[in-house]
Amino acid sequence: MLEDENIALKNKIADLKQRLSQIYTESFIDVNKSKVFENEFSLYLKACEHARNERGESIRLQNDTVKIGLTILIAATVLTVYIFNMHIFFGTLILLGLGFLACGFMYLLLVL
């Protein structure tokens, strides 16, 4: 009788050890899954931030390029009007050519 109780207790202890190790294994797997999720999410956030910064930098670069282009175009227009004051037709052709080049450069800038 005493031996049967000892065997039953040993079986219960073995079952409890097995359940405990199973619980530890499951909790370890859950912790690893949460760490993997945190790592992947932080990488995703960094990628989003990098893309946002790159887009902002690209927009700033385009804005600066447009400002410089408009400044050069206005300066060329003033210079053309000043130089070709007497030759209106020739000055008009030069201004049309500069406008065509400016539109082409703007198209290339906005396509890229």
N, C-alpha and C. Protein backbone atom coordinates (compact mmCIF):
# COMPACT_ATOMS: atom_id res chain seq x y z
N MET A 1 0.81 -1.18 0.00
CA MET A 1 0.00 0.00 0.00
C MET A 1 0.86 1.26 0.00
N LEU A 2 1.85 1.25 0.86
CA LEU A 2 2.75 2.39 0.94
C LEU A 2 3.55 2.52 -0.36
N GLU A 3 3.92 1.40 -0.93
CA GLU A 3 4.66 1.43 -2.20
C GLU A 3 3.79 1.94 -3.33
N ASP A 4 2.50 1.56 -3.31
CA ASP A 4 1.58 2.06 -4.34
C ASP A 4 1.41 3.57 -4.25
N GLU A 5 1.35 4.10 -3.03
CA GLU A 5 1.25 5.54 -2.85
C GLU A 5 2.52 6.24 -3.31
N ASN A 6 3.67 5.65 -3.01
CA ASN A 6 4.95 6.22 -3.45
C ASN A 6 5.03 6.25 -4.99
N ILE A 7 4.60 5.15 -5.60
CA ILE A 7 4.61 5.09 -7.07
C ILE A 7 3.64 6.12 -7.64
N ALA A 8 2.46 6.26 -7.04
CA ALA A 8 1.48 7.24 -7.51
C ALA A 8 2.02 8.65 -7.34
N LEU A 9 2.67 8.93 -6.21
CA LEU A 9 3.26 10.25 -5.99
C LEU A 9 4.40 10.52 -6.98
N LYS A 10 5.21 9.49 -7.25
CA LYS A 10 6.29 9.66 -8.22
C LYS A 10 5.73 9.94 -9.61
N ASN A 11 4.64 9.27 -9.95
CA ASN A 11 4.01 9.53 -11.25
C ASN A 11 3.44 10.95 -11.31
N LYS A 12 2.81 11.37 -10.21
CA LYS A 12 2.28 12.73 -10.17
C LYS A 12 3.41 13.77 -10.27
N ILE A 13 4.50 13.51 -9.58
CA ILE A 13 5.65 14.42 -9.62
C ILE A 13 6.22 14.46 -11.04
N ALA A 14 6.31 13.30 -11.68
CA ALA A 14 6.81 13.25 -13.06
C ALA A 14 5.87 14.02 -14.00
N ASP A 15 4.55 13.84 -13.80
CA ASP A 15 3.58 14.59 -14.62
C ASP A 15 3.72 16.10 -14.39
N LEU A 16 3.86 16.50 -13.12
CA LEU A 16 4.02 17.93 -12.81
C LEU A 16 5.30 18.49 -13.41
N LYS A 17 6.40 17.69 -13.36
CA LYS A 17 7.64 18.14 -13.97
C LYS A 17 7.49 18.31 -15.47
N GLN A 18 6.78 17.35 -16.07
CA GLN A 18 6.57 17.42 -17.51
C GLN A 18 5.71 18.64 -17.88
N ARG A 19 4.65 18.87 -17.12
CA ARG A 19 3.80 20.04 -17.38
C ARG A 19 4.58 21.34 -17.17
N LEU A 20 5.36 21.37 -16.12
CA LEU A 20 6.15 22.56 -15.83
C LEU A 20 7.16 22.84 -16.95
N SER A 21 7.83 21.81 -17.41
CA SER A 21 8.78 22.01 -18.51
C SER A 21 8.05 22.43 -19.79
N GLN A 22 6.84 21.90 -19.99
CA GLN A 22 6.04 22.30 -21.15
C GLN A 22 5.63 23.77 -21.04
N ILE A 23 5.24 24.18 -19.85
CA ILE A 23 4.86 25.58 -19.62
C ILE A 23 6.07 26.49 -19.86
N TYR A 24 7.23 26.11 -19.35
CA TYR A 24 8.45 26.89 -19.58
C TYR A 24 8.78 26.98 -21.07
N THR A 25 8.63 25.87 -21.77
CA THR A 25 8.91 25.86 -23.21
C THR A 25 7.95 26.78 -23.94
N GLU A 26 6.67 26.71 -23.62
CA GLU A 26 5.68 27.57 -24.28
C GLU A 26 5.93 29.04 -23.97
N SER A 27 6.25 29.35 -22.73
CA SER A 27 6.51 30.74 -22.38
C SER A 27 7.78 31.24 -23.06
N PHE A 28 8.78 30.36 -23.18
CA PHE A 28 10.02 30.74 -23.87
C PHE A 28 9.75 31.01 -25.34
N ILE A 29 8.91 30.19 -25.96
CA ILE A 29 8.55 30.39 -27.36
C ILE A 29 7.78 31.71 -27.52
N ASP A 30 6.84 31.98 -26.60
CA ASP A 30 6.08 33.23 -26.66
C ASP A 30 6.99 34.45 -26.50
N VAL A 31 7.95 34.35 -25.58
CA VAL A 31 8.89 35.46 -25.38
C VAL A 31 9.73 35.67 -26.64
N ASN A 32 10.18 34.59 -27.25
CA ASN A 32 10.97 34.71 -28.49
C ASN A 32 10.13 35.32 -29.60
N LYS A 33 8.86 34.90 -29.71
CA LYS A 33 7.99 35.47 -30.73
C LYS A 33 7.79 36.96 -30.51
N SER A 34 7.60 37.37 -29.27
CA SER A 34 7.40 38.80 -29.00
C SER A 34 8.68 39.58 -29.28
N LYS A 35 9.85 38.99 -28.98
CA LYS A 35 11.11 39.68 -29.28
C LYS A 35 11.30 39.81 -30.79
N VAL A 36 10.96 38.75 -31.53
CA VAL A 36 11.08 38.82 -32.98
C VAL A 36 10.14 39.89 -33.53
N PHE A 37 8.91 39.94 -33.00
CA PHE A 37 7.96 40.97 -33.45
C PHE A 37 8.48 42.36 -33.15
N GLU A 38 9.02 42.56 -31.96
CA GLU A 38 9.56 43.88 -31.60
C GLU A 38 10.71 44.26 -32.52
N ASN A 39 11.59 43.31 -32.82
CA ASN A 39 12.71 43.60 -33.71
C ASN A 39 12.23 43.94 -35.12
N GLU A 40 11.29 43.15 -35.64
CA GLU A 40 10.78 43.41 -36.98
C GLU A 40 10.03 44.74 -37.03
N PHE A 41 9.27 45.04 -35.99
CA PHE A 41 8.52 46.30 -35.97
C PHE A 41 9.46 47.49 -35.89
N SER A 42 10.52 47.37 -35.09
CA SER A 42 11.48 48.48 -35.01
C SER A 42 12.20 48.67 -36.34
N LEU A 43 12.51 47.57 -37.04
CA LEU A 43 13.11 47.69 -38.37
C LEU A 43 12.15 48.35 -39.34
N TYR A 44 10.87 48.00 -39.24
CA TYR A 44 9.85 48.61 -40.10
C TYR A 44 9.76 50.11 -39.83
N LEU A 45 9.77 50.50 -38.56
CA LEU A 45 9.71 51.92 -38.22
C LEU A 45 10.93 52.67 -38.73
N LYS A 46 12.10 52.05 -38.62
CA LYS A 46 13.31 52.69 -39.13
C LYS A 46 13.26 52.84 -40.64
N ALA A 47 12.74 51.83 -41.33
CA ALA A 47 12.62 51.91 -42.79
C ALA A 47 11.64 53.02 -43.20
N CYS A 48 10.53 53.12 -42.46
CA CYS A 48 9.55 54.18 -42.75
C CYS A 48 10.16 55.55 -42.51
N GLU A 49 10.90 55.69 -41.43
CA GLU A 49 11.53 56.97 -41.12
C GLU A 49 12.58 57.33 -42.18
N HIS A 50 13.35 56.34 -42.61
CA HIS A 50 14.35 56.58 -43.65
C HIS A 50 13.68 57.01 -44.96
N ALA A 51 12.59 56.33 -45.32
CA ALA A 51 11.87 56.69 -46.56
C ALA A 51 11.28 58.09 -46.45
N ARG A 52 10.73 58.43 -45.28
CA ARG A 52 10.16 59.76 -45.09
C ARG A 52 11.25 60.84 -45.18
N ASN A 53 12.40 60.57 -44.56
CA ASN A 53 13.50 61.54 -44.63
C ASN A 53 14.03 61.67 -46.06
N GLU A 54 14.11 60.55 -46.77
CA GLU A 54 14.59 60.60 -48.15
C GLU A 54 13.62 61.38 -49.04
N ARG A 55 12.33 61.18 -48.83
CA ARG A 55 11.32 61.91 -49.61
C ARG A 55 11.40 63.41 -49.31
N GLY A 56 11.52 63.76 -48.04
CA GLY A 56 11.64 65.18 -47.67
C GLY A 56 12.89 65.81 -48.25
N GLU A 57 13.98 65.06 -48.23
CA GLU A 57 15.22 65.57 -48.81
C GLU A 57 15.09 65.75 -50.32
N SER A 58 14.41 64.84 -50.97
CA SER A 58 14.19 64.94 -52.41
C SER A 58 13.33 66.16 -52.74
N ILE A 59 12.30 66.39 -51.96
CA ILE A 59 11.43 67.55 -52.19
C ILE A 59 12.21 68.84 -51.97
N ARG A 60 13.04 68.89 -50.93
CA ARG A 60 13.86 70.08 -50.69
C ARG A 60 14.83 70.33 -51.85
N LEU A 61 15.42 69.26 -52.35
CA LEU A 61 16.35 69.38 -53.47
C LEU A 61 15.63 69.88 -54.73
N GLN A 62 14.43 69.35 -54.99
CA GLN A 62 13.66 69.82 -56.14
C GLN A 62 13.27 71.30 -55.97
N ASN A 63 12.89 71.67 -54.76
CA ASN A 63 12.51 73.06 -54.50
C ASN A 63 13.69 74.00 -54.73
N ASP A 64 14.86 73.61 -54.23
CA ASP A 64 16.05 74.44 -54.44
C ASP A 64 16.41 74.53 -55.92
N THR A 65 16.28 73.41 -56.63
CA THR A 65 16.58 73.41 -58.06
C THR A 65 15.63 74.32 -58.82
N VAL A 66 14.35 74.27 -58.48
CA VAL A 66 13.38 75.14 -59.15
C VAL A 66 13.68 76.61 -58.85
N LYS A 67 14.04 76.93 -57.61
CA LYS A 67 14.37 78.32 -57.28
C LYS A 67 15.58 78.81 -58.07
N ILE A 68 16.61 77.97 -58.15
CA ILE A 68 17.81 78.36 -58.89
C ILE A 68 17.48 78.51 -60.37
N GLY A 69 16.70 77.59 -60.93
CA GLY A 69 16.32 77.67 -62.33
C GLY A 69 15.51 78.91 -62.65
N LEU A 70 14.56 79.23 -61.77
CA LEU A 70 13.76 80.44 -61.99
C LEU A 70 14.61 81.71 -61.87
N THR A 71 15.55 81.70 -60.94
CA THR A 71 16.44 82.86 -60.80
C THR A 71 17.28 83.05 -62.06
N ILE A 72 17.83 81.95 -62.57
CA ILE A 72 18.63 82.04 -63.80
C ILE A 72 17.77 82.49 -64.97
N LEU A 73 16.54 81.95 -65.05
CA LEU A 73 15.65 82.32 -66.15
C LEU A 73 15.27 83.80 -66.09
N ILE A 74 14.99 84.30 -64.91
CA ILE A 74 14.65 85.72 -64.76
C ILE A 74 15.85 86.59 -65.09
N ALA A 75 17.04 86.17 -64.63
CA ALA A 75 18.26 86.95 -64.94
C ALA A 75 18.52 86.95 -66.45
N ALA A 76 18.34 85.81 -67.10
CA ALA A 76 18.54 85.74 -68.55
C ALA A 76 17.51 86.60 -69.28
N THR A 77 16.29 86.62 -68.78
CA THR A 77 15.25 87.45 -69.40
C THR A 77 15.59 88.93 -69.30
N VAL A 78 16.00 89.36 -68.13
CA VAL A 78 16.37 90.76 -67.93
C VAL A 78 17.57 91.12 -68.81
N LEU A 79 18.55 90.24 -68.84
CA LEU A 79 19.73 90.50 -69.67
C LEU A 79 19.37 90.55 -71.15
N THR A 80 18.48 89.65 -71.58
CA THR A 80 18.07 89.64 -72.98
C THR A 80 17.30 90.90 -73.32
N VAL A 81 16.40 91.32 -72.46
CA VAL A 81 15.64 92.55 -72.71
C VAL A 81 16.59 93.74 -72.74
N TYR A 82 17.57 93.77 -71.86
CA TYR A 82 18.51 94.89 -71.82
C TYR A 82 19.39 94.93 -73.07
N ILE A 83 19.91 93.78 -73.48
CA ILE A 83 20.83 93.74 -74.62
C ILE A 83 20.09 93.95 -75.94
N PHE A 84 18.96 93.26 -76.10
CA PHE A 84 18.25 93.32 -77.38
C PHE A 84 17.06 94.27 -77.31
N ASN A 85 17.27 95.44 -76.76
CA ASN A 85 16.20 96.43 -76.64
C ASN A 85 15.75 96.93 -78.01
N MET A 86 16.67 97.07 -78.89
CA MET A 86 16.35 97.58 -80.21
C MET A 86 15.84 96.49 -81.16
N HIS A 87 16.28 95.27 -80.96
CA HIS A 87 15.91 94.16 -81.84
C HIS A 87 14.86 93.29 -81.15
N ILE A 88 13.64 93.71 -81.19
CA ILE A 88 12.54 93.06 -80.47
C ILE A 88 12.32 91.63 -80.96
N PHE A 89 12.33 91.42 -82.26
CA PHE A 89 12.06 90.09 -82.82
C PHE A 89 13.14 89.09 -82.39
N PHE A 90 14.40 89.49 -82.48
CA PHE A 90 15.51 88.61 -82.08
C PHE A 90 15.45 88.30 -80.58
N GLY A 91 15.16 89.30 -79.77
CA GLY A 91 15.02 89.10 -78.32
C GLY A 91 13.86 88.18 -77.99
N THR A 92 12.77 88.31 -78.74
CA THR A 92 11.61 87.43 -78.52
C THR A 92 11.96 85.98 -78.81
N LEU A 93 12.70 85.76 -79.89
CA LEU A 93 13.12 84.39 -80.22
C LEU A 93 14.03 83.80 -79.13
N ILE A 94 14.92 84.61 -78.62
CA ILE A 94 15.80 84.13 -77.54
C ILE A 94 14.99 83.82 -76.29
N LEU A 95 14.02 84.70 -75.96
CA LEU A 95 13.18 84.44 -74.79
C LEU A 95 12.34 83.18 -74.97
N LEU A 96 11.83 82.96 -76.17
CA LEU A 96 11.07 81.73 -76.45
C LEU A 96 11.96 80.50 -76.30
N GLY A 97 13.20 80.60 -76.78
CA GLY A 97 14.14 79.49 -76.64
C GLY A 97 14.45 79.20 -75.18
N LEU A 98 14.67 80.25 -74.40
CA LEU A 98 14.93 80.06 -72.96
C LEU A 98 13.71 79.46 -72.26
N GLY A 99 12.52 79.90 -72.63
CA GLY A 99 11.30 79.33 -72.04
C GLY A 99 11.15 77.87 -72.40
N PHE A 100 11.48 77.52 -73.66
CA PHE A 100 11.40 76.12 -74.07
C PHE A 100 12.38 75.26 -73.27
N LEU A 101 13.62 75.75 -73.12
CA LEU A 101 14.61 75.02 -72.31
C LEU A 101 14.16 74.90 -70.86
N ALA A 102 13.62 75.98 -70.32
CA ALA A 102 13.16 75.94 -68.92
C ALA A 102 12.03 74.93 -68.75
N CYS A 103 11.08 74.90 -69.69
CA CYS A 103 9.99 73.91 -69.60
C CYS A 103 10.51 72.50 -69.72
N GLY A 104 11.50 72.30 -70.59
CA GLY A 104 12.10 70.97 -70.73
C GLY A 104 12.79 70.53 -69.45
N PHE A 105 13.55 71.44 -68.84
CA PHE A 105 14.22 71.09 -67.60
C PHE A 105 13.21 70.84 -66.47
N MET A 106 12.15 71.62 -66.43
CA MET A 106 11.11 71.40 -65.40
C MET A 106 10.45 70.03 -65.60
N TYR A 107 10.20 69.67 -66.87
CA TYR A 107 9.61 68.36 -67.16
C TYR A 107 10.54 67.25 -66.68
N LEU A 108 11.83 67.37 -67.01
CA LEU A 108 12.79 66.36 -66.56
C LEU A 108 12.87 66.29 -65.04
N LEU A 109 12.82 67.44 -64.40
CA LEU A 109 12.90 67.47 -62.94
C LEU A 109 11.69 66.79 -62.31
N LEU A 110 10.51 67.06 -62.84
CA LEU A 110 9.29 66.50 -62.25
C LEU A 110 9.10 65.03 -62.60
N VAL A 111 9.65 64.58 -63.72
CA VAL A 111 9.54 63.16 -64.07
C VAL A 111 10.41 62.33 -63.17
N LEU A 112 11.59 62.81 -62.84
CA LEU A 112 12.48 62.05 -61.98
C LEU A 112 11.99 62.15 -60.58
